[in-house]
Amino acid sequence: MLELKNIYGGYQKIKVLFDVNLKVKKGEFVALVGPNGVGKTTCLRTMAGILKPTKGEVFFKGNRIDGLPPHKINRMGISFITATGDLFNGMTVKENLDMGAFIIDDKHRVSQLRDKIFELFPRLEQRKKQLAGTLSGGEQKMLSLARGLMGDPTILLVDEPSLGLAPNLVLSVFEALIKLKKTGVTILLVEQNVNTTLKITDRAYVLEQGQIVLEGKSQELMKNDHVKNSYLGLA
């Protein structure tokens, strides 16, 4: 469904990614893990069209997309959920959700999508008239995911959903991602909480210093000596 092929890139003169190859198949829950500052978010931004690679190609459903602007990539079915969420704090939960459906002209379809979201996240329905800026940290993360789903995407790119959350709230966010996976949504997750991430995902890539150093089934990577020593705190 989504593929990076031999990607090099970064920010102006700062090179971050070096020959990165990554694939996500339909219906998969795939993780991209690694230390801070190694290029994980840069990968997502490159897929979403926010950054242009200096070399290499990005494909979505067999079509090359690395030359397209972000809004066209979004309309194709790729939804990027940033680490900060980028919510409209002065707008209600419902208004934020409706903003996520700006690419859909059919009001009945928007209503259907909103109802589906409220089934997945009952807490958001309870707070639909509440301003987004007054929600708890965990609720804001859920709203970010929900708003990303309102565009009826084919794949979700989710960046560091546990960032800044208390441990009990982190669990609720991961449970929300598992729910989404069960509904058939394809997910690529960037996350620093490697232990929990490998428990809930199908496959994973380990990115270090801008390069993929390991890839495979998540359960198998949990047994890998390098992963155990570097990320799981196991000798």
C-alpha atoms as a PDB file:
ATOM      1  CA  MET A   1       0.000   0.000   0.000  1.00  0.00           C
ATOM      2  CA  LEU A   2       2.683   2.513   1.067  1.00  0.00           C
ATOM      3  CA  GLU A   3       6.367   2.237   0.288  1.00  0.00           C
ATOM      4  CA  LEU A   4       9.576   4.206   0.707  1.00  0.00           C
ATOM      5  CA  LYS A   5      12.246   3.206  -1.809  1.00  0.00           C
ATOM      6  CA  ASN A   6      15.877   4.239  -1.290  1.00  0.00           C
ATOM      7  CA  ILE A   7      14.884   7.486   0.411  1.00  0.00           C
ATOM      8  CA  TYR A   8      17.451  10.154   1.271  1.00  0.00           C
ATOM      9  CA  GLY A   9      16.252  13.390   2.822  1.00  0.00           C
ATOM     10  CA  GLY A  10      16.214  15.875   5.643  1.00  0.00           C
ATOM     11  CA  TYR A  11      15.976  19.601   6.232  1.00  0.00           C
ATOM     12  CA  GLN A  12      17.827  21.839   3.768  1.00  0.00           C
ATOM     13  CA  LYS A  13      21.529  21.059   4.273  1.00  0.00           C
ATOM     14  CA  ILE A  14      20.934  18.726   7.231  1.00  0.00           C
ATOM     15  CA  LYS A  15      20.822  15.134   5.990  1.00  0.00           C
ATOM     16  CA  VAL A  16      18.648  12.879   8.142  1.00  0.00           C
ATOM     17  CA  LEU A  17      17.622   9.812   6.094  1.00  0.00           C
ATOM     18  CA  PHE A  18      20.045   7.564   4.226  1.00  0.00           C
ATOM     19  CA  ASP A  19      18.727   4.929   1.808  1.00  0.00           C
ATOM     20  CA  VAL A  20      15.574   4.105   3.786  1.00  0.00           C
ATOM     21  CA  ASN A  21      13.341   1.312   2.494  1.00  0.00           C
ATOM     22  CA  LEU A  22      10.016   0.627   4.207  1.00  0.00           C
ATOM     23  CA  LYS A  23       6.721  -1.024   3.245  1.00  0.00           C
ATOM     24  CA  VAL A  24       3.251  -1.095   4.790  1.00  0.00           C
ATOM     25  CA  LYS A  25       0.678  -3.544   3.436  1.00  0.00           C
ATOM     26  CA  LYS A  26      -3.094  -3.148   3.569  1.00  0.00           C
ATOM     27  CA  GLY A  27      -4.542  -3.907   6.999  1.00  0.00           C
ATOM     28  CA  GLU A  28      -1.155  -4.013   8.738  1.00  0.00           C
ATOM     29  CA  PHE A  29      -0.191  -2.301  11.978  1.00  0.00           C
ATOM     30  CA  VAL A  30       3.476  -1.420  11.472  1.00  0.00           C
ATOM     31  CA  ALA A  31       5.836   0.377  13.844  1.00  0.00           C
ATOM     32  CA  LEU A  32       8.889   2.526  13.208  1.00  0.00           C
ATOM     33  CA  VAL A  33      10.961   2.719  16.379  1.00  0.00           C
ATOM     34  CA  GLY A  34      14.340   4.066  17.378  1.00  0.00           C
ATOM     35  CA  PRO A  35      16.083   6.716  19.506  1.00  0.00           C
ATOM     36  CA  ASN A  36      15.265  10.427  19.451  1.00  0.00           C
ATOM     37  CA  GLY A  37      16.458  12.434  16.479  1.00  0.00           C
ATOM     38  CA  VAL A  38      17.205   9.585  14.080  1.00  0.00           C
ATOM     39  CA  GLY A  39      14.623  10.458  11.423  1.00  0.00           C
ATOM     40  CA  LYS A  40      11.394   8.684  12.403  1.00  0.00           C
ATOM     41  CA  THR A  41       9.202  11.772  12.121  1.00  0.00           C
ATOM     42  CA  THR A  42      11.110  12.791   8.992  1.00  0.00           C
ATOM     43  CA  CYS A  43       9.970   9.520   7.398  1.00  0.00           C
ATOM     44  CA  LEU A  44       6.328  10.303   8.152  1.00  0.00           C
ATOM     45  CA  ARG A  45       6.645  13.864   6.890  1.00  0.00           C
ATOM     46  CA  THR A  46       8.194  12.572   3.691  1.00  0.00           C
ATOM     47  CA  MET A  47       5.312  10.128   3.189  1.00  0.00           C
ATOM     48  CA  ALA A  48       2.769  12.882   3.839  1.00  0.00           C
ATOM     49  CA  GLY A  49       4.411  15.200   1.320  1.00  0.00           C
ATOM     50  CA  ILE A  50       5.461  17.807   3.893  1.00  0.00           C
ATOM     51  CA  LEU A  51       9.109  17.092   3.060  1.00  0.00           C
ATOM     52  CA  LYS A  52      10.473  16.245  -0.373  1.00  0.00           C
ATOM     53  CA  PRO A  53      13.180  13.553  -0.520  1.00  0.00           C
ATOM     54  CA  THR A  54      16.498  14.543  -2.065  1.00  0.00           C
ATOM     55  CA  LYS A  55      16.710  11.080  -3.575  1.00  0.00           C
ATOM     56  CA  GLY A  56      14.435   8.036  -3.785  1.00  0.00           C
ATOM     57  CA  GLU A  57      10.728   7.437  -4.329  1.00  0.00           C
ATOM     58  CA  VAL A  58       7.497   7.199  -2.330  1.00  0.00           C
ATOM     59  CA  PHE A  59       4.688   4.999  -3.668  1.00  0.00           C
ATOM     60  CA  PHE A  60       1.055   4.744  -2.550  1.00  0.00           C
ATOM     61  CA  LYS A  61      -1.065   1.974  -4.057  1.00  0.00           C
ATOM     62  CA  GLY A  62       1.514   1.636  -6.811  1.00  0.00           C
ATOM     63  CA  ASN A  63       1.494   5.329  -7.730  1.00  0.00           C
ATOM     64  CA  ARG A  64       4.477   7.585  -7.150  1.00  0.00           C
ATOM     65  CA  ILE A  65       3.536  10.458  -4.814  1.00  0.00           C
ATOM     66  CA  ASP A  66       6.770  12.107  -3.676  1.00  0.00           C
ATOM     67  CA  GLY A  67       6.239  14.998  -6.100  1.00  0.00           C
ATOM     68  CA  LEU A  68       2.724  15.793  -4.907  1.00  0.00           C
ATOM     69  CA  PRO A  69       1.716  18.514  -2.404  1.00  0.00           C
ATOM     70  CA  PRO A  70       0.416  17.437   1.038  1.00  0.00           C
ATOM     71  CA  HIS A  71      -3.242  18.271   0.357  1.00  0.00           C
ATOM     72  CA  LYS A  72      -3.329  16.011  -2.700  1.00  0.00           C
ATOM     73  CA  ILE A  73      -1.671  13.181  -0.783  1.00  0.00           C
ATOM     74  CA  ASN A  74      -4.239  13.622   1.984  1.00  0.00           C
ATOM     75  CA  ARG A  75      -7.084  13.412  -0.529  1.00  0.00           C
ATOM     76  CA  MET A  76      -5.619  10.149  -1.842  1.00  0.00           C
ATOM     77  CA  GLY A  77      -6.201   8.586   1.598  1.00  0.00           C
ATOM     78  CA  ILE A  78      -3.097   9.254   3.720  1.00  0.00           C
ATOM     79  CA  SER A  79      -3.811  10.918   7.070  1.00  0.00           C
ATOM     80  CA  PHE A  80      -0.895  12.219   9.157  1.00  0.00           C
ATOM     81  CA  ILE A  81      -1.506  12.571  12.912  1.00  0.00           C
ATOM     82  CA  THR A  82       1.267  14.765  14.324  1.00  0.00           C
ATOM     83  CA  ALA A  83       2.783  14.320  17.775  1.00  0.00           C
ATOM     84  CA  THR A  84       1.236  17.595  18.974  1.00  0.00           C
ATOM     85  CA  GLY A  85      -2.173  16.809  17.491  1.00  0.00           C
ATOM     86  CA  ASP A  86      -2.627  20.333  16.081  1.00  0.00           C
ATOM     87  CA  LEU A  87      -6.164  20.624  17.418  1.00  0.00           C
ATOM     88  CA  PHE A  88      -8.278  23.775  17.188  1.00  0.00           C
ATOM     89  CA  ASN A  89      -8.414  24.418  20.927  1.00  0.00           C
ATOM     90  CA  GLY A  90     -11.069  27.125  20.693  1.00  0.00           C
ATOM     91  CA  MET A  91     -13.451  24.847  18.802  1.00  0.00           C
ATOM     92  CA  THR A  92     -15.610  22.039  20.178  1.00  0.00           C
ATOM     93  CA  VAL A  93     -14.899  18.345  19.794  1.00  0.00           C
ATOM     94  CA  LYS A  94     -17.625  18.082  17.141  1.00  0.00           C
ATOM     95  CA  GLU A  95     -16.267  21.089  15.241  1.00  0.00           C
ATOM     96  CA  ASN A  96     -12.760  19.594  15.269  1.00  0.00           C
ATOM     97  CA  LEU A  97     -14.136  16.336  13.902  1.00  0.00           C
ATOM     98  CA  ASP A  98     -16.015  18.148  11.158  1.00  0.00           C
ATOM     99  CA  MET A  99     -12.814  19.990  10.202  1.00  0.00           C
ATOM    100  CA  GLY A 100     -11.217  16.579   9.681  1.00  0.00           C
ATOM    101  CA  ALA A 101     -13.835  15.842   7.025  1.00  0.00           C
ATOM    102  CA  PHE A 102     -13.213  18.977   4.961  1.00  0.00           C
ATOM    103  CA  ILE A 103     -12.371  16.898   1.867  1.00  0.00           C
ATOM    104  CA  ILE A 104     -15.803  15.185   1.922  1.00  0.00           C
ATOM    105  CA  ASP A 105     -18.661  17.113   0.286  1.00  0.00           C
ATOM    106  CA  ASP A 106     -21.412  14.622   1.187  1.00  0.00           C
ATOM    107  CA  LYS A 107     -22.921  15.794   4.513  1.00  0.00           C
ATOM    108  CA  HIS A 108     -24.651  12.448   5.043  1.00  0.00           C
ATOM    109  CA  ARG A 109     -21.295  10.671   4.708  1.00  0.00           C
ATOM    110  CA  VAL A 110     -19.729  13.075   7.205  1.00  0.00           C
ATOM    111  CA  SER A 111     -22.539  12.290   9.661  1.00  0.00           C
ATOM    112  CA  GLN A 112     -21.976   8.549   9.164  1.00  0.00           C
ATOM    113  CA  LEU A 113     -18.255   8.927   9.814  1.00  0.00           C
ATOM    114  CA  ARG A 114     -18.914  10.975  12.945  1.00  0.00           C
ATOM    115  CA  ASP A 115     -21.297   8.306  14.263  1.00  0.00           C
ATOM    116  CA  LYS A 116     -18.636   5.661  13.607  1.00  0.00           C
ATOM    117  CA  ILE A 117     -16.087   7.751  15.509  1.00  0.00           C
ATOM    118  CA  PHE A 118     -18.422   8.079  18.482  1.00  0.00           C
ATOM    119  CA  GLU A 119     -18.875   4.288  18.515  1.00  0.00           C
ATOM    120  CA  LEU A 120     -15.099   3.862  18.643  1.00  0.00           C
ATOM    121  CA  PHE A 121     -14.583   6.679  21.154  1.00  0.00           C
ATOM    122  CA  PRO A 122     -17.699   7.039  23.359  1.00  0.00           C
ATOM    123  CA  ARG A 123     -15.865   9.542  25.560  1.00  0.00           C
ATOM    124  CA  LEU A 124     -15.640  11.966  22.649  1.00  0.00           C
ATOM    125  CA  GLU A 125     -19.390  11.782  22.115  1.00  0.00           C
ATOM    126  CA  GLN A 126     -19.897  12.649  25.780  1.00  0.00           C
ATOM    127  CA  ARG A 127     -17.684  15.703  25.245  1.00  0.00           C
ATOM    128  CA  LYS A 128     -18.775  16.685  21.729  1.00  0.00           C
ATOM    129  CA  LYS A 129     -19.838  20.177  22.857  1.00  0.00           C
ATOM    130  CA  GLN A 130     -16.718  20.722  24.963  1.00  0.00           C
ATOM    131  CA  LEU A 131     -13.846  22.889  23.730  1.00  0.00           C
ATOM    132  CA  ALA A 132     -10.888  20.799  22.591  1.00  0.00           C
ATOM    133  CA  GLY A 133      -8.481  22.885  24.662  1.00  0.00           C
ATOM    134  CA  THR A 134     -10.260  21.870  27.881  1.00  0.00           C
ATOM    135  CA  LEU A 135      -9.915  18.116  27.296  1.00  0.00           C
ATOM    136  CA  SER A 136      -7.429  15.963  29.217  1.00  0.00           C
ATOM    137  CA  GLY A 137      -4.185  14.994  27.506  1.00  0.00           C
ATOM    138  CA  GLY A 138      -5.444  11.503  26.704  1.00  0.00           C
ATOM    139  CA  GLU A 139      -8.734  12.831  25.350  1.00  0.00           C
ATOM    140  CA  GLN A 140      -6.874  15.274  23.111  1.00  0.00           C
ATOM    141  CA  LYS A 141      -4.817  12.422  21.673  1.00  0.00           C
ATOM    142  CA  MET A 142      -8.013  10.463  20.999  1.00  0.00           C
ATOM    143  CA  LEU A 143      -9.531  13.512  19.306  1.00  0.00           C
ATOM    144  CA  SER A 144      -6.428  13.854  17.121  1.00  0.00           C
ATOM    145  CA  LEU A 145      -6.788  10.237  16.000  1.00  0.00           C
ATOM    146  CA  ALA A 146     -10.532  10.638  15.517  1.00  0.00           C
ATOM    147  CA  ARG A 147     -10.165  13.803  13.459  1.00  0.00           C
ATOM    148  CA  GLY A 148      -7.634  12.008  11.261  1.00  0.00           C
ATOM    149  CA  LEU A 149     -10.208   9.276  10.660  1.00  0.00           C
ATOM    150  CA  MET A 150     -12.909  11.742   9.636  1.00  0.00           C
ATOM    151  CA  GLY A 151     -11.354  12.057   6.205  1.00  0.00           C
ATOM    152  CA  ASP A 152     -12.027   8.329   5.727  1.00  0.00           C
ATOM    153  CA  PRO A 153      -8.334   7.566   5.082  1.00  0.00           C
ATOM    154  CA  THR A 154      -6.826   4.359   3.759  1.00  0.00           C
ATOM    155  CA  ILE A 155      -3.826   4.633   6.081  1.00  0.00           C
ATOM    156  CA  LEU A 156      -3.020   6.521   9.285  1.00  0.00           C
ATOM    157  CA  LEU A 157       0.500   7.828   9.924  1.00  0.00           C
ATOM    158  CA  VAL A 158       0.637   8.331  13.696  1.00  0.00           C
ATOM    159  CA  ASP A 159       3.555  10.201  15.257  1.00  0.00           C
ATOM    160  CA  GLU A 160       4.430   9.685  18.939  1.00  0.00           C
ATOM    161  CA  PRO A 161       0.881   9.423  20.360  1.00  0.00           C
ATOM    162  CA  SER A 162       2.186   8.782  23.896  1.00  0.00           C
ATOM    163  CA  LEU A 163       4.332  11.953  23.953  1.00  0.00           C
ATOM    164  CA  GLY A 164       3.793  13.905  27.159  1.00  0.00           C
ATOM    165  CA  LEU A 165       1.155  11.583  28.580  1.00  0.00           C
ATOM    166  CA  ALA A 166       0.999   9.976  32.011  1.00  0.00           C
ATOM    167  CA  PRO A 167       1.413   6.159  31.936  1.00  0.00           C
ATOM    168  CA  ASN A 168      -2.291   5.451  32.549  1.00  0.00           C
ATOM    169  CA  LEU A 169      -3.260   7.713  29.637  1.00  0.00           C
ATOM    170  CA  VAL A 170      -0.671   6.092  27.374  1.00  0.00           C
ATOM    171  CA  LEU A 171      -2.462   2.780  27.838  1.00  0.00           C
ATOM    172  CA  SER A 172      -5.791   4.250  26.738  1.00  0.00           C
ATOM    173  CA  VAL A 173      -4.217   5.673  23.569  1.00  0.00           C
ATOM    174  CA  PHE A 174      -2.667   2.328  22.667  1.00  0.00           C
ATOM    175  CA  GLU A 175      -6.025   0.644  23.286  1.00  0.00           C
ATOM    176  CA  ALA A 176      -7.574   3.136  20.842  1.00  0.00           C
ATOM    177  CA  LEU A 177      -4.997   2.180  18.204  1.00  0.00           C
ATOM    178  CA  ILE A 178      -5.747  -1.513  18.715  1.00  0.00           C
ATOM    179  CA  LYS A 179      -9.462  -0.755  18.233  1.00  0.00           C
ATOM    180  CA  LEU A 180      -8.684   1.021  14.963  1.00  0.00           C
ATOM    181  CA  LYS A 181      -6.598  -1.904  13.741  1.00  0.00           C
ATOM    182  CA  LYS A 182      -9.512  -4.268  14.419  1.00  0.00           C
ATOM    183  CA  THR A 183     -11.783  -2.125  12.233  1.00  0.00           C
ATOM    184  CA  GLY A 184      -9.417  -2.678   9.297  1.00  0.00           C
ATOM    185  CA  VAL A 185      -7.530   0.631   9.379  1.00  0.00           C
ATOM    186  CA  THR A 186      -3.921   0.391   8.180  1.00  0.00           C
ATOM    187  CA  ILE A 187      -1.537   2.111  10.612  1.00  0.00           C
ATOM    188  CA  LEU A 188       2.110   3.166  10.570  1.00  0.00           C
ATOM    189  CA  LEU A 189       3.101   4.153  14.107  1.00  0.00           C
ATOM    190  CA  VAL A 190       6.189   6.093  15.184  1.00  0.00           C
ATOM    191  CA  GLU A 191       6.673   5.609  18.915  1.00  0.00           C
ATOM    192  CA  GLN A 192       9.416   5.679  21.567  1.00  0.00           C
ATOM    193  CA  ASN A 193       7.628   3.262  23.898  1.00  0.00           C
ATOM    194  CA  VAL A 194       9.231   0.271  22.193  1.00  0.00           C
ATOM    195  CA  ASN A 195       8.119  -2.398  24.653  1.00  0.00           C
ATOM    196  CA  THR A 196       4.381  -1.727  24.340  1.00  0.00           C
ATOM    197  CA  THR A 197       4.647  -0.919  20.632  1.00  0.00           C
ATOM    198  CA  LEU A 198       6.185  -4.284  19.764  1.00  0.00           C
ATOM    199  CA  LYS A 199       3.454  -6.035  21.765  1.00  0.00           C
ATOM    200  CA  ILE A 200       0.606  -4.525  19.759  1.00  0.00           C
ATOM    201  CA  THR A 201       1.985  -4.215  16.203  1.00  0.00           C
ATOM    202  CA  ASP A 202       2.355  -6.804  13.434  1.00  0.00           C
ATOM    203  CA  ARG A 203       5.752  -5.767  12.100  1.00  0.00           C
ATOM    204  CA  ALA A 204       8.380  -3.183  12.973  1.00  0.00           C
ATOM    205  CA  TYR A 205      11.375  -1.348  11.603  1.00  0.00           C
ATOM    206  CA  VAL A 206      14.240  -0.082  13.781  1.00  0.00           C
ATOM    207  CA  LEU A 207      15.717   3.217  12.590  1.00  0.00           C
ATOM    208  CA  GLU A 208      19.115   4.348  13.865  1.00  0.00           C
ATOM    209  CA  GLN A 209      21.163   7.286  12.560  1.00  0.00           C
ATOM    210  CA  GLY A 210      18.863   7.655   9.575  1.00  0.00           C
ATOM    211  CA  GLN A 211      19.068   4.038   8.444  1.00  0.00           C
ATOM    212  CA  ILE A 212      16.919   0.935   8.910  1.00  0.00           C
ATOM    213  CA  VAL A 213      19.083  -1.456  10.919  1.00  0.00           C
ATOM    214  CA  LEU A 214      16.473  -4.132  11.692  1.00  0.00           C
ATOM    215  CA  GLU A 215      13.047  -5.178  10.435  1.00  0.00           C
ATOM    216  CA  GLY A 216      10.721  -8.103  10.973  1.00  0.00           C
ATOM    217  CA  LYS A 217       7.723  -9.384  12.886  1.00  0.00           C
ATOM    218  CA  SER A 218       7.305  -7.470  16.124  1.00  0.00           C
ATOM    219  CA  GLN A 219       7.257 -10.573  18.309  1.00  0.00           C
ATOM    220  CA  GLU A 220      10.523 -11.756  16.769  1.00  0.00           C
ATOM    221  CA  LEU A 221      12.204  -8.381  17.222  1.00  0.00           C
ATOM    222  CA  MET A 222      11.367  -8.525  20.929  1.00  0.00           C
ATOM    223  CA  LYS A 223      13.706 -11.529  21.111  1.00  0.00           C
ATOM    224  CA  ASN A 224      16.508  -9.798  19.196  1.00  0.00           C
ATOM    225  CA  ASP A 225      19.581  -9.140  21.371  1.00  0.00           C
ATOM    226  CA  HIS A 226      20.145  -5.618  20.046  1.00  0.00           C
ATOM    227  CA  VAL A 227      16.517  -4.650  20.651  1.00  0.00           C
ATOM    228  CA  LYS A 228      16.524  -6.202  24.133  1.00  0.00           C
ATOM    229  CA  ASN A 229      19.747  -4.431  25.119  1.00  0.00           C
ATOM    230  CA  SER A 230      19.058  -1.044  23.533  1.00  0.00           C
ATOM    231  CA  TYR A 231      15.302  -0.601  23.907  1.00  0.00           C
ATOM    232  CA  LEU A 232      13.796  -3.083  26.331  1.00  0.00           C
ATOM    233  CA  GLY A 233      16.334  -2.768  29.147  1.00  0.00           C
ATOM    234  CA  LEU A 234      17.091  -6.470  29.069  1.00  0.00           C
ATOM    235  CA  ALA A 235      20.630  -7.821  29.144  1.00  0.00           C
END
